[in-house]
C-alpha atoms as a PDB file:
ATOM      1  CA  MET A   1      35.631  19.660  24.347  1.00  0.00           C
ATOM      2  CA  SER A   2      32.281  19.300  22.149  1.00  0.00           C
ATOM      3  CA  PHE A   3      29.738  16.376  22.595  1.00  0.00           C
ATOM      4  CA  ARG A   4      29.992  13.619  20.408  1.00  0.00           C
ATOM      5  CA  GLY A   5      29.576  10.084  19.688  1.00  0.00           C
ATOM      6  CA  VAL A   6      26.964   7.404  21.010  1.00  0.00           C
ATOM      7  CA  TRP A   7      27.101   4.938  23.619  1.00  0.00           C
ATOM      8  CA  ILE A   8      25.720   2.091  24.885  1.00  0.00           C
ATOM      9  CA  PHE A   9      25.433   0.833  28.392  1.00  0.00           C
ATOM     10  CA  ALA A  10      26.416  -3.094  27.802  1.00  0.00           C
ATOM     11  CA  GLN A  11      25.444  -4.983  30.578  1.00  0.00           C
ATOM     12  CA  GLN A  12      27.167  -8.243  31.718  1.00  0.00           C
ATOM     13  CA  LYS A  13      26.649 -10.780  34.264  1.00  0.00           C
ATOM     14  CA  LYS A  14      29.350 -13.508  35.798  1.00  0.00           C
ATOM     15  CA  GLY A  15      31.705 -12.333  32.797  1.00  0.00           C
ATOM     16  CA  LYS A  16      28.892 -13.025  30.259  1.00  0.00           C
ATOM     17  CA  ILE A  17      27.432 -10.400  27.616  1.00  0.00           C
ATOM     18  CA  GLN A  18      23.914 -10.163  28.489  1.00  0.00           C
ATOM     19  CA  ARG A  19      20.999 -10.260  25.045  1.00  0.00           C
ATOM     20  CA  VAL A  20      20.057  -6.773  25.974  1.00  0.00           C
ATOM     21  CA  SER A  21      23.360  -5.287  25.006  1.00  0.00           C
ATOM     22  CA  TYR A  22      23.069  -6.629  21.733  1.00  0.00           C
ATOM     23  CA  GLU A  23      19.554  -5.250  21.014  1.00  0.00           C
ATOM     24  CA  LEU A  24      21.039  -1.598  22.327  1.00  0.00           C
ATOM     25  CA  LEU A  25      23.782  -1.939  19.891  1.00  0.00           C
ATOM     26  CA  ARG A  26      21.077  -2.044  17.173  1.00  0.00           C
ATOM     27  CA  ARG A  27      19.528   0.702  17.942  1.00  0.00           C
ATOM     28  CA  GLY A  28      22.746   2.232  18.743  1.00  0.00           C
ATOM     29  CA  ARG A  29      24.192   1.533  15.351  1.00  0.00           C
ATOM     30  CA  LEU A  30      21.029   3.433  13.069  1.00  0.00           C
ATOM     31  CA  LEU A  31      21.493   6.171  15.614  1.00  0.00           C
ATOM     32  CA  ALA A  32      25.646   6.850  15.202  1.00  0.00           C
ATOM     33  CA  ASP A  33      24.860   6.300  11.458  1.00  0.00           C
ATOM     34  CA  LYS A  34      22.485   8.990  10.883  1.00  0.00           C
ATOM     35  CA  ARG A  35      24.671  11.109  13.104  1.00  0.00           C
ATOM     36  CA  GLY A  36      27.372  10.125  11.246  1.00  0.00           C
ATOM     37  CA  VAL A  37      29.637   9.175  14.367  1.00  0.00           C
ATOM     38  CA  GLU A  38      31.299   6.065  16.456  1.00  0.00           C
ATOM     39  CA  LEU A  39      29.578   3.867  18.485  1.00  0.00           C
ATOM     40  CA  ALA A  40      31.339   2.940  21.463  1.00  0.00           C
ATOM     41  CA  ALA A  41      29.655   0.535  24.000  1.00  0.00           C
ATOM     42  CA  VAL A  42      30.986   0.967  27.953  1.00  0.00           C
ATOM     43  CA  LEU A  43      31.188  -2.295  30.228  1.00  0.00           C
ATOM     44  CA  LEU A  44      32.101  -2.417  34.144  1.00  0.00           C
ATOM     45  CA  GLY A  45      32.946  -5.798  34.868  1.00  0.00           C
ATOM     46  CA  ASP A  46      35.924  -8.154  36.572  1.00  0.00           C
ATOM     47  CA  ASN A  47      38.219 -10.689  34.453  1.00  0.00           C
ATOM     48  CA  VAL A  48      35.457 -10.463  31.653  1.00  0.00           C
ATOM     49  CA  SER A  49      37.520 -13.037  28.536  1.00  0.00           C
ATOM     50  CA  PRO A  50      38.596 -10.807  25.408  1.00  0.00           C
ATOM     51  CA  ASP A  51      36.306 -12.958  23.210  1.00  0.00           C
ATOM     52  CA  GLU A  52      32.990 -11.484  25.186  1.00  0.00           C
ATOM     53  CA  LEU A  53      35.224  -8.216  24.408  1.00  0.00           C
ATOM     54  CA  HIS A  54      35.389  -8.784  20.907  1.00  0.00           C
ATOM     55  CA  GLU A  55      31.771  -9.718  20.854  1.00  0.00           C
ATOM     56  CA  LEU A  56      30.637  -6.054  20.785  1.00  0.00           C
ATOM     57  CA  ILE A  57      32.811  -5.605  18.442  1.00  0.00           C
ATOM     58  CA  TYR A  58      31.127  -8.241  15.945  1.00  0.00           C
ATOM     59  CA  ARG A  59      27.924  -6.779  16.934  1.00  0.00           C
ATOM     60  CA  GLY A  60      28.361  -2.949  15.805  1.00  0.00           C
ATOM     61  CA  ALA A  61      30.492  -1.214  17.959  1.00  0.00           C
ATOM     62  CA  ASP A  62      33.403   0.749  17.419  1.00  0.00           C
ATOM     63  CA  LYS A  63      34.747   1.458  20.106  1.00  0.00           C
ATOM     64  CA  VAL A  64      34.647  -0.654  23.748  1.00  0.00           C
ATOM     65  CA  TYR A  65      35.682   1.095  26.766  1.00  0.00           C
ATOM     66  CA  TYR A  66      36.544  -2.029  29.404  1.00  0.00           C
ATOM     67  CA  VAL A  67      36.298  -0.498  33.082  1.00  0.00           C
ATOM     68  CA  ASP A  68      38.249  -3.906  35.283  1.00  0.00           C
ATOM     69  CA  SER A  69      38.248  -4.370  38.690  1.00  0.00           C
ATOM     70  CA  PRO A  70      36.635  -6.701  41.408  1.00  0.00           C
ATOM     71  CA  HIS A  71      34.824  -4.118  42.445  1.00  0.00           C
ATOM     72  CA  LEU A  72      32.605  -4.443  39.763  1.00  0.00           C
ATOM     73  CA  ALA A  73      32.051  -8.094  39.416  1.00  0.00           C
ATOM     74  CA  HIS A  74      28.690  -7.369  40.809  1.00  0.00           C
ATOM     75  CA  PHE A  75      26.261  -4.538  40.250  1.00  0.00           C
ATOM     76  CA  ILE A  76      27.032  -1.888  43.133  1.00  0.00           C
ATOM     77  CA  ILE A  77      25.477   1.161  42.131  1.00  0.00           C
ATOM     78  CA  ASP A  78      28.052   3.908  44.006  1.00  0.00           C
ATOM     79  CA  PRO A  79      30.933   2.124  42.097  1.00  0.00           C
ATOM     80  CA  TYR A  80      29.102   1.410  39.190  1.00  0.00           C
ATOM     81  CA  ALA A  81      27.825   5.204  38.435  1.00  0.00           C
ATOM     82  CA  ARG A  82      31.067   6.729  39.634  1.00  0.00           C
ATOM     83  CA  ALA A  83      33.638   4.846  37.386  1.00  0.00           C
ATOM     84  CA  PHE A  84      30.763   5.381  33.881  1.00  0.00           C
ATOM     85  CA  GLU A  85      30.689   9.192  35.672  1.00  0.00           C
ATOM     86  CA  HIS A  86      34.168   9.112  34.777  1.00  0.00           C
ATOM     87  CA  VAL A  87      34.052   7.352  31.475  1.00  0.00           C
ATOM     88  CA  ILE A  88      31.488  10.097  30.526  1.00  0.00           C
ATOM     89  CA  ASN A  89      33.261  12.842  31.622  1.00  0.00           C
ATOM     90  CA  LYS A  90      36.598  12.490  30.428  1.00  0.00           C
ATOM     91  CA  TYR A  91      35.085  11.322  26.759  1.00  0.00           C
ATOM     92  CA  LYS A  92      31.934  13.856  26.541  1.00  0.00           C
ATOM     93  CA  PRO A  93      29.631  11.540  24.175  1.00  0.00           C
ATOM     94  CA  GLU A  94      26.468  12.679  23.193  1.00  0.00           C
ATOM     95  CA  ILE A  95      23.834  10.066  23.484  1.00  0.00           C
ATOM     96  CA  VAL A  96      24.131   7.490  26.373  1.00  0.00           C
ATOM     97  CA  ILE A  97      21.686   4.497  26.382  1.00  0.00           C
ATOM     98  CA  GLY A  98      21.121   1.708  28.558  1.00  0.00           C
ATOM     99  CA  GLY A  99      18.507  -1.440  28.895  1.00  0.00           C
ATOM    100  CA  ALA A 100      15.048  -0.372  31.090  1.00  0.00           C
ATOM    101  CA  THR A 101      16.355  -3.352  32.973  1.00  0.00           C
ATOM    102  CA  THR A 102      16.824  -3.313  37.353  1.00  0.00           C
ATOM    103  CA  THR A 103      20.278  -2.564  36.160  1.00  0.00           C
ATOM    104  CA  GLY A 104      19.628   0.448  33.784  1.00  0.00           C
ATOM    105  CA  ARG A 105      16.814   1.388  35.398  1.00  0.00           C
ATOM    106  CA  THR A 106      18.887   2.292  37.998  1.00  0.00           C
ATOM    107  CA  LEU A 107      22.017   3.219  37.299  1.00  0.00           C
ATOM    108  CA  LEU A 108      21.114   6.118  34.198  1.00  0.00           C
ATOM    109  CA  PRO A 109      19.025   8.048  36.350  1.00  0.00           C
ATOM    110  CA  TYR A 110      21.341   7.829  38.542  1.00  0.00           C
ATOM    111  CA  VAL A 111      24.327   9.046  36.630  1.00  0.00           C
ATOM    112  CA  ALA A 112      21.950  11.986  34.558  1.00  0.00           C
ATOM    113  CA  VAL A 113      21.476  13.595  37.828  1.00  0.00           C
ATOM    114  CA  ARG A 114      24.618  13.273  38.482  1.00  0.00           C
ATOM    115  CA  LEU A 115      25.771  15.064  35.042  1.00  0.00           C
ATOM    116  CA  LYS A 116      22.753  17.247  35.148  1.00  0.00           C
ATOM    117  CA  ALA A 117      21.722  15.557  32.084  1.00  0.00           C
ATOM    118  CA  GLY A 118      18.457  14.637  30.988  1.00  0.00           C
ATOM    119  CA  LEU A 119      16.634  11.513  30.525  1.00  0.00           C
ATOM    120  CA  THR A 120      13.861   9.638  29.179  1.00  0.00           C
ATOM    121  CA  ALA A 121      13.437   6.075  30.621  1.00  0.00           C
ATOM    122  CA  ASP A 122      11.685   2.981  29.290  1.00  0.00           C
ATOM    123  CA  CYS A 123      11.533   3.967  25.497  1.00  0.00           C
ATOM    124  CA  THR A 124      10.118   1.429  23.202  1.00  0.00           C
ATOM    125  CA  GLY A 125      11.398   4.139  20.044  1.00  0.00           C
ATOM    126  CA  LEU A 126      14.721   5.978  19.262  1.00  0.00           C
ATOM    127  CA  ASP A 127      15.788   8.151  16.718  1.00  0.00           C
ATOM    128  CA  ILE A 128      17.526  10.995  15.026  1.00  0.00           C
ATOM    129  CA  GLU A 129      15.811  15.023  14.222  1.00  0.00           C
ATOM    130  CA  PRO A 130      17.259  15.605  11.204  1.00  0.00           C
ATOM    131  CA  GLU A 131      17.081  19.546  11.366  1.00  0.00           C
ATOM    132  CA  THR A 132      18.912  19.691  14.969  1.00  0.00           C
ATOM    133  CA  GLY A 133      20.135  16.190  15.655  1.00  0.00           C
ATOM    134  CA  ASN A 134      18.743  16.171  18.960  1.00  0.00           C
ATOM    135  CA  LEU A 135      18.000  12.299  19.784  1.00  0.00           C
ATOM    136  CA  LEU A 136      14.021  11.689  20.025  1.00  0.00           C
ATOM    137  CA  GLN A 137      12.983   9.594  22.103  1.00  0.00           C
ATOM    138  CA  THR A 138       9.753   7.285  22.329  1.00  0.00           C
ATOM    139  CA  ARG A 139       7.977   5.717  25.531  1.00  0.00           C
ATOM    140  CA  PRO A 140       4.460   4.901  26.493  1.00  0.00           C
ATOM    141  CA  ALA A 141       2.524   7.295  28.267  1.00  0.00           C
ATOM    142  CA  ILE A 142      -0.822   7.852  30.176  1.00  0.00           C
ATOM    143  CA  GLY A 143      -0.919   4.222  30.791  1.00  0.00           C
ATOM    144  CA  GLY A 144       0.245   3.198  27.278  1.00  0.00           C
ATOM    145  CA  ASN A 145      -2.698   4.447  25.527  1.00  0.00           C
ATOM    146  CA  ILE A 146      -0.783   7.947  24.639  1.00  0.00           C
ATOM    147  CA  LEU A 147       2.829   7.297  23.015  1.00  0.00           C
ATOM    148  CA  ALA A 148       5.022  10.198  23.752  1.00  0.00           C
ATOM    149  CA  THR A 149       8.194  11.505  21.558  1.00  0.00           C
ATOM    150  CA  ILE A 150      10.306  14.000  24.334  1.00  0.00           C
ATOM    151  CA  LYS A 151      13.882  15.822  23.397  1.00  0.00           C
ATOM    152  CA  THR A 152      16.745  16.977  25.504  1.00  0.00           C
ATOM    153  CA  PRO A 153      17.726  19.996  23.569  1.00  0.00           C
ATOM    154  CA  ASN A 154      20.044  21.681  25.799  1.00  0.00           C
ATOM    155  CA  ALA A 155      21.965  19.469  28.129  1.00  0.00           C
ATOM    156  CA  ARG A 156      24.729  17.001  27.270  1.00  0.00           C
ATOM    157  CA  PRO A 157      24.843  13.875  26.950  1.00  0.00           C
ATOM    158  CA  GLN A 158      21.380  13.144  25.921  1.00  0.00           C
ATOM    159  CA  MET A 159      20.455   9.705  27.897  1.00  0.00           C
ATOM    160  CA  ALA A 160      17.895   6.960  27.467  1.00  0.00           C
ATOM    161  CA  THR A 161      16.895   3.465  28.802  1.00  0.00           C
ATOM    162  CA  VAL A 162      15.096   1.154  26.294  1.00  0.00           C
ATOM    163  CA  ARG A 163      13.158  -1.472  27.447  1.00  0.00           C
ATOM    164  CA  PRO A 164      14.615  -4.893  26.612  1.00  0.00           C
ATOM    165  CA  ARG A 165      12.737  -6.945  23.838  1.00  0.00           C
ATOM    166  CA  SER A 166      11.540  -3.985  22.027  1.00  0.00           C
ATOM    167  CA  THR A 167      14.027  -5.100  19.177  1.00  0.00           C
ATOM    168  CA  LYS A 168      16.071  -8.341  17.808  1.00  0.00           C
ATOM    169  CA  PRO A 169      19.119  -7.944  18.668  1.00  0.00           C
ATOM    170  CA  ALA A 170      22.066  -6.862  16.353  1.00  0.00           C
ATOM    171  CA  PRO A 171      23.402  -9.572  14.204  1.00  0.00           C
ATOM    172  CA  ARG A 172      26.916 -10.960  14.677  1.00  0.00           C
ATOM    173  CA  ASP A 173      29.794  -9.951  11.724  1.00  0.00           C
ATOM    174  CA  THR A 174      32.750 -11.246  12.986  1.00  0.00           C
ATOM    175  CA  SER A 175      34.565  -9.426   9.721  1.00  0.00           C
ATOM    176  CA  ARG A 176      34.198  -6.325  12.000  1.00  0.00           C
ATOM    177  CA  GLU A 177      37.153  -4.855  13.671  1.00  0.00           C
ATOM    178  CA  GLY A 178      37.148  -2.083  16.082  1.00  0.00           C
ATOM    179  CA  GLU A 179      39.671  -0.942  19.467  1.00  0.00           C
ATOM    180  CA  ILE A 180      39.183  -2.520  22.971  1.00  0.00           C
ATOM    181  CA  ILE A 181      40.156   0.247  25.216  1.00  0.00           C
ATOM    182  CA  TYR A 182      41.021  -1.141  28.837  1.00  0.00           C
ATOM    183  CA  GLU A 183      39.600   2.309  30.877  1.00  0.00           C
ATOM    184  CA  LYS A 184      41.624   2.994  34.254  1.00  0.00           C
ATOM    185  CA  VAL A 185      39.632   4.718  37.101  1.00  0.00           C
ATOM    186  CA  PRO A 186      40.973   5.899  40.501  1.00  0.00           C
ATOM    187  CA  ALA A 187      40.782   3.132  42.350  1.00  0.00           C
ATOM    188  CA  ASP A 188      38.907   5.445  45.367  1.00  0.00           C
ATOM    189  CA  ILE A 189      35.856   6.306  43.124  1.00  0.00           C
ATOM    190  CA  LEU A 190      35.337   2.117  43.699  1.00  0.00           C
ATOM    191  CA  THR A 191      34.759   1.782  46.738  1.00  0.00           C
ATOM    192  CA  SER A 192      30.992   1.573  48.044  1.00  0.00           C
ATOM    193  CA  ARG A 193      29.685   0.774  51.989  1.00  0.00           C
ATOM    194  CA  VAL A 194      27.547  -1.462  50.068  1.00  0.00           C
ATOM    195  CA  LYS A 195      28.723  -5.785  49.999  1.00  0.00           C
ATOM    196  CA  LEU A 196      26.467  -8.223  47.956  1.00  0.00           C
ATOM    197  CA  ILE A 197      25.631 -10.868  50.552  1.00  0.00           C
ATOM    198  CA  GLN A 198      23.863 -13.341  48.544  1.00  0.00           C
ATOM    199  CA  GLU A 199      22.035 -13.032  44.929  1.00  0.00           C
ATOM    200  CA  VAL A 200      18.626 -13.406  44.595  1.00  0.00           C
ATOM    201  CA  VAL A 201      16.802 -15.421  41.393  1.00  0.00           C
ATOM    202  CA  ASP A 202      14.446 -14.125  39.444  1.00  0.00           C
ATOM    203  CA  GLU A 203      11.675 -17.032  38.541  1.00  0.00           C
ATOM    204  CA  THR A 204       8.653 -15.689  38.134  1.00  0.00           C
ATOM    205  CA  GLN A 205       6.588 -15.112  35.303  1.00  0.00           C
ATOM    206  CA  GLU A 206       7.774 -12.255  33.910  1.00  0.00           C
ATOM    207  CA  VAL A 207      11.092 -13.836  33.317  1.00  0.00           C
ATOM    208  CA  ALA A 208       9.444 -16.807  31.420  1.00  0.00           C
ATOM    209  CA  LEU A 209       7.636 -14.345  29.723  1.00  0.00           C
ATOM    210  CA  GLN A 210      10.163 -12.230  28.223  1.00  0.00           C
ATOM    211  CA  ASP A 211      12.484 -15.384  27.415  1.00  0.00           C
ATOM    212  CA  ALA A 212       9.732 -17.408  25.799  1.00  0.00           C
ATOM    213  CA  ASP A 213      10.044 -19.149  22.542  1.00  0.00           C
ATOM    214  CA  ILE A 214       6.465 -19.172  22.063  1.00  0.00           C
ATOM    215  CA  ILE A 215       3.893 -17.286  24.174  1.00  0.00           C
ATOM    216  CA  VAL A 216      -0.507 -18.354  23.846  1.00  0.00           C
ATOM    217  CA  SER A 217      -2.219 -14.925  25.089  1.00  0.00           C
ATOM    218  CA  GLY A 218      -5.571 -14.378  25.269  1.00  0.00           C
ATOM    219  CA  GLY A 219      -7.806 -11.194  25.329  1.00  0.00           C
ATOM    220  CA  ARG A 220     -11.453  -9.969  25.688  1.00  0.00           C
ATOM    221  CA  GLY A 221     -12.847 -12.028  23.100  1.00  0.00           C
ATOM    222  CA  LEU A 222     -12.511 -15.020  26.239  1.00  0.00           C
ATOM    223  CA  ALA A 223     -15.736 -13.224  27.341  1.00  0.00           C
ATOM    224  CA  LYS A 224     -14.890 -14.029  31.219  1.00  0.00           C
ATOM    225  CA  ALA A 225     -11.599 -15.259  33.259  1.00  0.00           C
ATOM    226  CA  GLU A 226     -12.722 -18.757  33.501  1.00  0.00           C
ATOM    227  CA  ASN A 227     -12.507 -18.969  29.870  1.00  0.00           C
ATOM    228  CA  PHE A 228      -8.773 -18.059  29.813  1.00  0.00           C
ATOM    229  CA  LYS A 229      -8.606 -22.720  30.804  1.00  0.00           C
ATOM    230  CA  TYR A 230      -8.535 -22.519  27.347  1.00  0.00           C
ATOM    231  CA  VAL A 231      -5.787 -20.738  26.484  1.00  0.00           C
ATOM    232  CA  GLN A 232      -3.869 -22.323  29.344  1.00  0.00           C
ATOM    233  CA  GLU A 233      -4.418 -25.932  28.364  1.00  0.00           C
ATOM    234  CA  LEU A 234      -2.863 -24.296  24.710  1.00  0.00           C
ATOM    235  CA  ALA A 235       0.236 -23.417  26.546  1.00  0.00           C
ATOM    236  CA  HIS A 236       0.730 -26.214  28.654  1.00  0.00           C
ATOM    237  CA  VAL A 237       0.282 -28.665  25.381  1.00  0.00           C
ATOM    238  CA  MET A 238       2.680 -26.269  23.544  1.00  0.00           C
ATOM    239  CA  GLU A 239       4.895 -26.071  26.443  1.00  0.00           C
ATOM    240  CA  SER A 240       4.766 -22.360  26.321  1.00  0.00           C
ATOM    241  CA  ALA A 241       4.014 -19.237  28.102  1.00  0.00           C
ATOM    242  CA  VAL A 242       0.835 -17.276  29.385  1.00  0.00           C
ATOM    243  CA  GLY A 243       0.905 -14.319  28.069  1.00  0.00           C
ATOM    244  CA  ALA A 244      -2.699 -11.343  28.270  1.00  0.00           C
ATOM    245  CA  SER A 245      -4.310  -8.383  27.198  1.00  0.00           C
ATOM    246  CA  ARG A 246      -4.353  -5.062  29.006  1.00  0.00           C
ATOM    247  CA  GLU A 247      -7.955  -5.382  28.882  1.00  0.00           C
ATOM    248  CA  THR A 248      -7.969  -9.142  30.860  1.00  0.00           C
ATOM    249  CA  VAL A 249      -5.225  -8.121  33.305  1.00  0.00           C
ATOM    250  CA  ASP A 250      -8.326  -4.650  34.213  1.00  0.00           C
ATOM    251  CA  ARG A 251     -10.495  -7.103  34.366  1.00  0.00           C
ATOM    252  CA  GLY A 252      -9.297  -9.309  36.588  1.00  0.00           C
ATOM    253  CA  TRP A 253      -9.382 -12.435  34.530  1.00  0.00           C
ATOM    254  CA  ILE A 254      -5.037 -13.005  34.878  1.00  0.00           C
ATOM    255  CA  THR A 255      -2.418 -11.223  36.818  1.00  0.00           C
ATOM    256  CA  TYR A 256      -0.263  -8.148  36.002  1.00  0.00           C
ATOM    257  CA  PRO A 257       3.082 -10.291  34.811  1.00  0.00           C
ATOM    258  CA  HIS A 258       1.776 -12.032  32.071  1.00  0.00           C
ATOM    259  CA  GLN A 259       0.405  -8.797  30.120  1.00  0.00           C
ATOM    260  CA  VAL A 260       2.210  -7.811  26.801  1.00  0.00           C
ATOM    261  CA  GLY A 261       2.003  -4.300  25.439  1.00  0.00           C
ATOM    262  CA  LEU A 262       3.331  -1.009  25.996  1.00  0.00           C
ATOM    263  CA  SER A 263       2.344  -1.057  29.621  1.00  0.00           C
ATOM    264  CA  GLY A 264       2.782  -4.412  29.921  1.00  0.00           C
ATOM    265  CA  LYS A 265       6.150  -6.620  28.491  1.00  0.00           C
ATOM    266  CA  THR A 266       7.256  -6.555  25.201  1.00  0.00           C
ATOM    267  CA  VAL A 267       8.383  -9.666  23.405  1.00  0.00           C
ATOM    268  CA  THR A 268      10.279 -11.283  20.753  1.00  0.00           C
ATOM    269  CA  PRO A 269       9.416 -15.192  21.058  1.00  0.00           C
ATOM    270  CA  LYS A 270       9.847 -17.419  18.222  1.00  0.00           C
ATOM    271  CA  LEU A 271       5.842 -18.325  17.539  1.00  0.00           C
ATOM    272  CA  TYR A 272       3.412 -15.580  18.981  1.00  0.00           C
ATOM    273  CA  ILE A 273      -0.652 -17.096  19.161  1.00  0.00           C
ATOM    274  CA  ALA A 274      -2.835 -14.266  19.633  1.00  0.00           C
ATOM    275  CA  ILE A 275      -6.597 -15.605  20.582  1.00  0.00           C
ATOM    276  CA  GLY A 276      -9.368 -13.299  21.410  1.00  0.00           C
ATOM    277  CA  ILE A 277      -7.115 -10.076  21.107  1.00  0.00           C
ATOM    278  CA  SER A 278      -8.348  -7.154  18.913  1.00  0.00           C
ATOM    279  CA  GLY A 279      -5.170  -5.681  18.396  1.00  0.00           C
ATOM    280  CA  ALA A 280      -5.358  -2.487  20.426  1.00  0.00           C
ATOM    281  CA  ILE A 281      -2.213  -0.432  19.062  1.00  0.00           C
ATOM    282  CA  GLN A 282      -0.505  -0.700  23.089  1.00  0.00           C
ATOM    283  CA  HIS A 283      -0.708  -4.699  22.888  1.00  0.00           C
ATOM    284  CA  LEU A 284       1.112  -4.658  19.693  1.00  0.00           C
ATOM    285  CA  ALA A 285       3.431  -2.760  19.932  1.00  0.00           C
ATOM    286  CA  GLY A 286       4.185  -5.439  22.429  1.00  0.00           C
ATOM    287  CA  MET A 287       4.579  -8.264  20.420  1.00  0.00           C
ATOM    288  CA  GLN A 288       4.542  -7.140  16.739  1.00  0.00           C
ATOM    289  CA  THR A 289       8.480  -8.035  16.342  1.00  0.00           C
ATOM    290  CA  SER A 290       8.095 -11.828  17.300  1.00  0.00           C
ATOM    291  CA  GLU A 291       9.159 -14.364  14.380  1.00  0.00           C
ATOM    292  CA  VAL A 292       5.621 -15.604  13.380  1.00  0.00           C
ATOM    293  CA  ILE A 293       2.509 -14.471  14.214  1.00  0.00           C
ATOM    294  CA  VAL A 294      -1.111 -16.585  15.042  1.00  0.00           C
ATOM    295  CA  ALA A 295      -4.490 -14.963  14.988  1.00  0.00           C
ATOM    296  CA  ILE A 296      -7.767 -16.764  16.474  1.00  0.00           C
ATOM    297  CA  ASN A 297     -10.548 -14.178  15.923  1.00  0.00           C
ATOM    298  CA  LYS A 298     -14.196 -14.239  14.983  1.00  0.00           C
ATOM    299  CA  ASP A 299     -13.924 -10.952  13.732  1.00  0.00           C
ATOM    300  CA  PRO A 300     -12.460 -10.445   9.963  1.00  0.00           C
ATOM    301  CA  ASP A 301     -11.734  -7.052  10.223  1.00  0.00           C
ATOM    302  CA  ALA A 302     -10.266  -7.021  13.466  1.00  0.00           C
ATOM    303  CA  GLN A 303      -6.712  -5.254  13.455  1.00  0.00           C
ATOM    304  CA  ILE A 304      -4.309  -8.382  14.757  1.00  0.00           C
ATOM    305  CA  PHE A 305      -4.791  -9.989  11.274  1.00  0.00           C
ATOM    306  CA  GLN A 306      -2.737  -6.491   9.815  1.00  0.00           C
ATOM    307  CA  VAL A 307       0.704  -7.918  11.412  1.00  0.00           C
ATOM    308  CA  ALA A 308      -0.585 -11.718  11.249  1.00  0.00           C
ATOM    309  CA  ASP A 309       1.012 -14.353   9.619  1.00  0.00           C
ATOM    310  CA  PHE A 310      -1.290 -16.841  10.084  1.00  0.00           C
ATOM    311  CA  GLY A 311      -5.220 -16.624  10.896  1.00  0.00           C
ATOM    312  CA  ILE A 312      -7.925 -17.907  11.891  1.00  0.00           C
ATOM    313  CA  VAL A 313     -11.532 -16.216  11.807  1.00  0.00           C
ATOM    314  CA  GLY A 314     -13.587 -18.576  13.991  1.00  0.00           C
ATOM    315  CA  ASP A 315     -15.487 -18.707  17.071  1.00  0.00           C
ATOM    316  CA  LEU A 316     -11.766 -19.841  19.283  1.00  0.00           C
ATOM    317  CA  PHE A 317     -14.150 -22.085  21.377  1.00  0.00           C
ATOM    318  CA  GLU A 318     -14.282 -24.332  18.576  1.00  0.00           C
ATOM    319  CA  VAL A 319     -11.043 -23.770  17.416  1.00  0.00           C
ATOM    320  CA  LEU A 320      -9.201 -23.952  20.672  1.00  0.00           C
ATOM    321  CA  PRO A 321      -9.888 -27.256  21.901  1.00  0.00           C
ATOM    322  CA  LEU A 322      -9.792 -28.671  18.744  1.00  0.00           C
ATOM    323  CA  LEU A 323      -5.920 -27.199  18.231  1.00  0.00           C
ATOM    324  CA  THR A 324      -5.070 -28.767  21.474  1.00  0.00           C
ATOM    325  CA  GLU A 325      -6.508 -32.154  20.754  1.00  0.00           C
ATOM    326  CA  LYS A 326      -4.363 -32.137  17.346  1.00  0.00           C
ATOM    327  CA  ILE A 327      -1.475 -31.393  19.161  1.00  0.00           C
ATOM    328  CA  LYS A 328      -1.795 -33.404  21.902  1.00  0.00           C
ATOM    329  CA  ALA A 329      -1.679 -35.715  18.815  1.00  0.00           C
ATOM    330  CA  ILE A 330       0.407 -35.361  17.202  1.00  0.00           C
ATOM    331  CA  LYS A 331       3.013 -35.200  20.311  1.00  0.00           C
ATOM    332  CA  ALA A 332       1.485 -38.498  21.511  1.00  0.00           C
ATOM    333  CA  LYS A 333       2.787 -40.427  18.025  1.00  0.00           C
ATOM    334  CA  GLU A 334       5.802 -38.737  17.565  1.00  0.00           C
ATOM    335  CA  ALA A 335       6.747 -39.817  21.674  1.00  0.00           C
END
């Protein structure tokens, strides 16, 4: 049987489909249309509601393969990997992509090794090579200084994990129709020596940064670590997360969880304010899908202005205190 079709691994938590699944469906839909094949979502879980399953159809899937079992309620690598491998071996998709989340980064490489398939991790771009139909997998390399495009010409399926927030979720279309297949797997492959004792809730800055609606980021233009207080004051007034360019992190002005860019976090907030950031390509790749971008820089030729919706050419040490005070005054008036 030949390999055919594009699949995404859909993540769920406590029966709710995660945002990264809809981002993957957006990418998967483009790939499937270019290949002229169906797009399917594979979901592993326990008692996921029909409404949640249909949401995958509304977001672009032609088929949903759902494996339902109490053993799959929480992510444990052994039963997840065996169930996923079983479904892949049965239907033989040509392309399989998942999110570069903790779950995806654990599951897909594990399954790829068992299938003797090729996998590229932490991709920021996916495309189809017109001449061969191979999956073109683009990811940052050498510390984010270059982008490498990788192909898997021989092994199938072609597998990749994709950085979360590197694209927007697929739009919802309730007129779409598709097929939901309740897939049965042998009971013995769902057993595991591992048991879930306790869930740990991640409350780090990484989560706050990637989920923030507003991000205020500082760059080299701040001149020294002490001046990050201007960024933090504005972020506090705007109830936003604090971001940073790679260079400020490398200089030790702020910690790595704040870093935005290819070698940091990819973010898509409603508002991104770039302060003293020149606009290096590795930084732009991490934030250019923000809905609105405001740049503050004294250099009118700074690359950041090429992607900004609004630009302020001026000395940030003059602009930021004034901007912070104006916002404080507006909020006080509204209160």
